[in-house]
Amino acid sequence: MCLLCAIPVPCSADVRKWLAWNSVPTHPDFPFGDWKLDTDQYWMHVTDHGDRSSPHGWEIDHILPRALGGSDRPCNLRARHWYGNVRAGAAVRGLLDD
């Protein structure tokens, strides 16, 4: 059990995906939650998880990157557009290479 978010750990990939998607607030123009706007202001669609060829694809992002001590606990996961996730990963790798 994650002591921070009270969710069983480890959880399945589907549960992690659902938790990450639902960690992003629902946009008022899309109340059913199938479209969301990530922290970088990129639109994501729920069905485009893992699709880097889609302009609305998204991935599970670690808020505190694992390379910097972050965990796979559900409270450290969020949905993020794939492009922003790639850029953030490159920035972390750049920090670690210095």
N, C-alpha and C. Protein backbone atom coordinates (compact mmCIF):
# COMPACT_ATOMS: atom_id res chain seq x y z
N MET A 1 0.86 -1.18 0.00
CA MET A 1 0.00 0.00 0.00
C MET A 1 0.89 1.24 0.00
N CYS A 2 0.61 2.14 -0.92
CA CYS A 2 1.36 3.40 -0.94
C CYS A 2 0.89 4.24 0.25
N LEU A 3 1.82 4.60 1.12
CA LEU A 3 1.46 5.36 2.31
C LEU A 3 1.04 6.79 1.97
N LEU A 4 1.45 7.28 0.81
CA LEU A 4 1.10 8.65 0.42
C LEU A 4 -0.27 8.75 -0.22
N CYS A 5 -0.63 7.75 -1.03
CA CYS A 5 -1.90 7.86 -1.75
C CYS A 5 -2.86 6.71 -1.46
N ALA A 6 -2.50 5.79 -0.60
CA ALA A 6 -3.37 4.70 -0.14
C ALA A 6 -3.87 3.79 -1.27
N ILE A 7 -3.05 3.59 -2.29
CA ILE A 7 -3.39 2.71 -3.39
C ILE A 7 -2.45 1.52 -3.33
N PRO A 8 -2.96 0.31 -3.54
CA PRO A 8 -2.09 -0.87 -3.49
C PRO A 8 -0.92 -0.75 -4.47
N VAL A 9 0.26 -1.10 -4.00
CA VAL A 9 1.46 -1.06 -4.83
C VAL A 9 2.07 -2.45 -4.79
N PRO A 10 2.50 -3.05 -5.85
CA PRO A 10 2.41 -2.51 -7.20
C PRO A 10 1.00 -2.68 -7.76
N CYS A 11 0.65 -1.81 -8.69
CA CYS A 11 -0.66 -1.94 -9.35
C CYS A 11 -0.44 -2.26 -10.82
N SER A 12 -1.47 -2.75 -11.47
CA SER A 12 -1.34 -3.19 -12.86
C SER A 12 -1.09 -2.01 -13.79
N ALA A 13 -0.63 -2.30 -15.00
CA ALA A 13 -0.38 -1.26 -15.99
C ALA A 13 -1.66 -0.50 -16.33
N ASP A 14 -2.77 -1.21 -16.41
CA ASP A 14 -4.05 -0.55 -16.71
C ASP A 14 -4.46 0.40 -15.59
N VAL A 15 -4.25 -0.02 -14.36
CA VAL A 15 -4.58 0.84 -13.22
C VAL A 15 -3.67 2.07 -13.21
N ARG A 16 -2.38 1.85 -13.46
CA ARG A 16 -1.45 2.99 -13.51
C ARG A 16 -1.85 3.98 -14.59
N LYS A 17 -2.25 3.47 -15.76
CA LYS A 17 -2.68 4.33 -16.86
C LYS A 17 -3.92 5.14 -16.45
N TRP A 18 -4.88 4.48 -15.85
CA TRP A 18 -6.11 5.14 -15.41
C TRP A 18 -5.80 6.20 -14.36
N LEU A 19 -4.95 5.86 -13.40
CA LEU A 19 -4.60 6.82 -12.34
C LEU A 19 -3.87 8.03 -12.92
N ALA A 20 -2.95 7.79 -13.85
CA ALA A 20 -2.21 8.90 -14.46
C ALA A 20 -3.17 9.81 -15.23
N TRP A 21 -4.05 9.20 -16.03
CA TRP A 21 -5.01 10.00 -16.81
C TRP A 21 -5.90 10.82 -15.89
N ASN A 22 -6.38 10.22 -14.84
CA ASN A 22 -7.30 10.91 -13.94
C ASN A 22 -6.61 11.87 -12.98
N SER A 23 -5.29 11.90 -12.98
CA SER A 23 -4.59 12.90 -12.16
C SER A 23 -4.61 14.28 -12.82
N VAL A 24 -4.92 14.32 -14.12
CA VAL A 24 -5.00 15.59 -14.85
C VAL A 24 -6.44 16.09 -14.75
N PRO A 25 -6.63 17.35 -14.36
CA PRO A 25 -8.00 17.86 -14.23
C PRO A 25 -8.77 17.80 -15.56
N THR A 26 -10.05 17.58 -15.45
CA THR A 26 -10.93 17.58 -16.62
C THR A 26 -11.10 19.01 -17.10
N HIS A 27 -10.99 19.21 -18.41
CA HIS A 27 -11.16 20.54 -19.00
C HIS A 27 -12.65 20.86 -19.07
N PRO A 28 -13.05 22.10 -18.72
CA PRO A 28 -14.49 22.41 -18.71
C PRO A 28 -15.18 22.25 -20.06
N ASP A 29 -14.44 22.39 -21.15
CA ASP A 29 -15.05 22.22 -22.47
C ASP A 29 -15.27 20.75 -22.83
N PHE A 30 -14.65 19.85 -22.08
CA PHE A 30 -14.76 18.41 -22.35
C PHE A 30 -15.07 17.67 -21.04
N PRO A 31 -16.30 17.84 -20.54
CA PRO A 31 -16.63 17.32 -19.20
C PRO A 31 -16.62 15.81 -19.08
N PHE A 32 -16.61 15.07 -20.18
CA PHE A 32 -16.60 13.61 -20.09
C PHE A 32 -15.19 13.07 -19.88
N GLY A 33 -14.17 13.94 -19.96
CA GLY A 33 -12.81 13.54 -19.64
C GLY A 33 -12.05 12.83 -20.73
N ASP A 34 -12.58 12.82 -21.97
CA ASP A 34 -11.84 12.13 -23.04
C ASP A 34 -10.73 12.99 -23.62
N TRP A 35 -10.80 14.30 -23.43
CA TRP A 35 -9.73 15.22 -23.82
C TRP A 35 -9.23 15.93 -22.58
N LYS A 36 -7.91 16.07 -22.47
CA LYS A 36 -7.33 16.80 -21.34
C LYS A 36 -6.16 17.64 -21.84
N LEU A 37 -5.89 18.70 -21.11
CA LEU A 37 -4.79 19.61 -21.41
C LEU A 37 -3.71 19.38 -20.36
N ASP A 38 -2.50 19.04 -20.81
CA ASP A 38 -1.45 18.74 -19.84
C ASP A 38 -0.78 20.01 -19.32
N THR A 39 0.21 19.86 -18.46
CA THR A 39 0.87 21.01 -17.83
C THR A 39 1.62 21.87 -18.83
N ASP A 40 1.97 21.32 -19.98
CA ASP A 40 2.66 22.08 -21.03
C ASP A 40 1.67 22.67 -22.05
N GLN A 41 0.39 22.53 -21.77
CA GLN A 41 -0.69 23.04 -22.62
C GLN A 41 -0.82 22.30 -23.94
N TYR A 42 -0.50 21.01 -23.94
CA TYR A 42 -0.72 20.14 -25.10
C TYR A 42 -2.00 19.35 -24.86
N TRP A 43 -2.82 19.22 -25.92
CA TRP A 43 -4.03 18.42 -25.83
C TRP A 43 -3.70 16.95 -25.93
N MET A 44 -4.37 16.16 -25.10
CA MET A 44 -4.20 14.70 -25.09
C MET A 44 -5.58 14.06 -25.22
N HIS A 45 -5.64 12.93 -25.90
CA HIS A 45 -6.89 12.18 -25.99
C HIS A 45 -6.71 10.83 -25.30
N VAL A 46 -7.69 10.43 -24.57
CA VAL A 46 -7.61 9.22 -23.74
C VAL A 46 -7.21 7.98 -24.54
N THR A 47 -7.65 7.86 -25.79
CA THR A 47 -7.36 6.66 -26.57
C THR A 47 -5.97 6.67 -27.19
N ASP A 48 -5.24 7.79 -27.08
CA ASP A 48 -3.93 7.91 -27.73
C ASP A 48 -2.76 7.64 -26.79
N HIS A 49 -3.00 6.90 -25.72
CA HIS A 49 -1.92 6.56 -24.80
C HIS A 49 -0.83 5.78 -25.53
N GLY A 50 0.42 6.21 -25.37
CA GLY A 50 1.57 5.51 -25.94
C GLY A 50 1.77 5.71 -27.43
N ASP A 51 1.00 6.58 -28.06
CA ASP A 51 1.07 6.78 -29.52
C ASP A 51 1.84 8.05 -29.85
N ARG A 52 3.14 7.92 -30.09
CA ARG A 52 3.96 9.08 -30.42
C ARG A 52 3.74 9.59 -31.84
N SER A 53 3.00 8.86 -32.65
CA SER A 53 2.68 9.35 -33.99
C SER A 53 1.44 10.23 -33.97
N SER A 54 0.74 10.27 -32.86
CA SER A 54 -0.48 11.08 -32.74
C SER A 54 -0.16 12.46 -32.19
N PRO A 55 -0.79 13.50 -32.73
CA PRO A 55 -0.60 14.84 -32.16
C PRO A 55 -1.23 14.97 -30.77
N HIS A 56 -2.00 13.96 -30.35
CA HIS A 56 -2.66 14.00 -29.05
C HIS A 56 -2.23 12.83 -28.17
N GLY A 57 -1.11 12.19 -28.51
CA GLY A 57 -0.63 11.05 -27.74
C GLY A 57 -0.10 11.48 -26.38
N TRP A 58 -0.15 10.56 -25.45
CA TRP A 58 0.33 10.86 -24.10
C TRP A 58 0.99 9.63 -23.49
N GLU A 59 1.74 9.90 -22.45
CA GLU A 59 2.49 8.85 -21.74
C GLU A 59 2.34 9.06 -20.25
N ILE A 60 2.73 8.06 -19.50
CA ILE A 60 2.76 8.19 -18.05
C ILE A 60 4.08 8.84 -17.67
N ASP A 61 3.98 9.97 -17.01
CA ASP A 61 5.14 10.75 -16.60
C ASP A 61 5.35 10.60 -15.10
N HIS A 62 6.60 10.56 -14.70
CA HIS A 62 6.93 10.56 -13.27
C HIS A 62 7.13 12.02 -12.86
N ILE A 63 6.36 12.50 -11.92
CA ILE A 63 6.47 13.90 -11.47
C ILE A 63 7.88 14.16 -10.97
N LEU A 64 8.37 13.32 -10.07
CA LEU A 64 9.78 13.34 -9.69
C LEU A 64 10.41 12.18 -10.45
N PRO A 65 11.26 12.47 -11.44
CA PRO A 65 11.81 11.41 -12.29
C PRO A 65 12.50 10.31 -11.47
N ARG A 66 12.36 9.09 -11.97
CA ARG A 66 13.02 7.96 -11.30
C ARG A 66 14.52 8.17 -11.21
N ALA A 67 15.10 8.78 -12.24
CA ALA A 67 16.55 9.02 -12.25
C ALA A 67 16.98 9.98 -11.13
N LEU A 68 16.03 10.73 -10.59
CA LEU A 68 16.34 11.66 -9.50
C LEU A 68 15.75 11.18 -8.17
N GLY A 69 15.41 9.90 -8.10
CA GLY A 69 14.93 9.32 -6.85
C GLY A 69 13.42 9.14 -6.76
N GLY A 70 12.69 9.47 -7.82
CA GLY A 70 11.24 9.30 -7.81
C GLY A 70 10.86 7.83 -7.88
N SER A 71 9.64 7.55 -7.49
CA SER A 71 9.17 6.17 -7.44
C SER A 71 8.10 5.93 -8.50
N ASP A 72 7.68 4.68 -8.60
CA ASP A 72 6.57 4.29 -9.46
C ASP A 72 5.25 4.31 -8.71
N ARG A 73 5.23 4.88 -7.54
CA ARG A 73 4.00 4.95 -6.76
C ARG A 73 2.97 5.79 -7.51
N PRO A 74 1.72 5.44 -7.40
CA PRO A 74 0.68 6.15 -8.13
C PRO A 74 0.66 7.67 -7.90
N CYS A 75 1.02 8.10 -6.70
CA CYS A 75 0.99 9.54 -6.42
C CYS A 75 2.13 10.29 -7.12
N ASN A 76 3.06 9.58 -7.74
CA ASN A 76 4.16 10.22 -8.49
C ASN A 76 3.93 10.13 -10.00
N LEU A 77 2.75 9.72 -10.41
CA LEU A 77 2.46 9.53 -11.83
C LEU A 77 1.42 10.53 -12.31
N ARG A 78 1.56 10.93 -13.58
CA ARG A 78 0.56 11.80 -14.21
C ARG A 78 0.60 11.55 -15.71
N ALA A 79 -0.47 11.93 -16.38
CA ALA A 79 -0.50 11.88 -17.84
C ALA A 79 0.20 13.13 -18.36
N ARG A 80 1.01 12.94 -19.40
CA ARG A 80 1.70 14.08 -20.02
C ARG A 80 1.81 13.80 -21.51
N HIS A 81 1.62 14.83 -22.30
CA HIS A 81 1.76 14.68 -23.75
C HIS A 81 3.14 14.10 -24.03
N TRP A 82 3.23 13.21 -25.00
CA TRP A 82 4.48 12.50 -25.26
C TRP A 82 5.62 13.47 -25.57
N TYR A 83 5.35 14.57 -26.28
CA TYR A 83 6.44 15.48 -26.65
C TYR A 83 7.03 16.16 -25.41
N GLY A 84 6.18 16.60 -24.51
CA GLY A 84 6.67 17.20 -23.26
C GLY A 84 7.41 16.19 -22.41
N ASN A 85 6.96 14.95 -22.42
CA ASN A 85 7.63 13.91 -21.65
C ASN A 85 9.02 13.62 -22.22
N VAL A 86 9.14 13.59 -23.54
CA VAL A 86 10.44 13.37 -24.18
C VAL A 86 11.39 14.52 -23.85
N ARG A 87 10.90 15.76 -23.95
CA ARG A 87 11.75 16.92 -23.63
C ARG A 87 12.19 16.91 -22.18
N ALA A 88 11.29 16.57 -21.27
CA ALA A 88 11.65 16.54 -19.84
C ALA A 88 12.69 15.45 -19.59
N GLY A 89 12.53 14.29 -20.23
CA GLY A 89 13.51 13.22 -20.06
C GLY A 89 14.88 13.63 -20.56
N ALA A 90 14.93 14.35 -21.68
CA ALA A 90 16.20 14.84 -22.22
C ALA A 90 16.85 15.85 -21.27
N ALA A 91 16.02 16.67 -20.66
CA ALA A 91 16.56 17.66 -19.70
C ALA A 91 17.16 16.97 -18.48
N VAL A 92 16.48 15.94 -17.98
CA VAL A 92 17.01 15.21 -16.82
C VAL A 92 18.31 14.52 -17.19
N ARG A 93 18.35 13.89 -18.38
CA ARG A 93 19.59 13.23 -18.80
C ARG A 93 20.73 14.24 -18.93
N GLY A 94 20.40 15.45 -19.41
CA GLY A 94 21.42 16.50 -19.50
C GLY A 94 21.96 16.90 -18.15
N LEU A 95 21.09 16.97 -17.15
CA LEU A 95 21.54 17.28 -15.79
C LEU A 95 22.45 16.21 -15.24
N LEU A 96 22.09 14.95 -15.51
CA LEU A 96 22.87 13.84 -14.97
C LEU A 96 24.21 13.69 -15.67
N ASP A 97 24.29 14.14 -16.93
CA ASP A 97 25.53 14.03 -17.69
C ASP A 97 26.57 15.08 -17.29
N ASP A 98 26.08 16.16 -16.68
CA ASP A 98 27.00 17.27 -16.29
C ASP A 98 27.83 16.94 -15.09
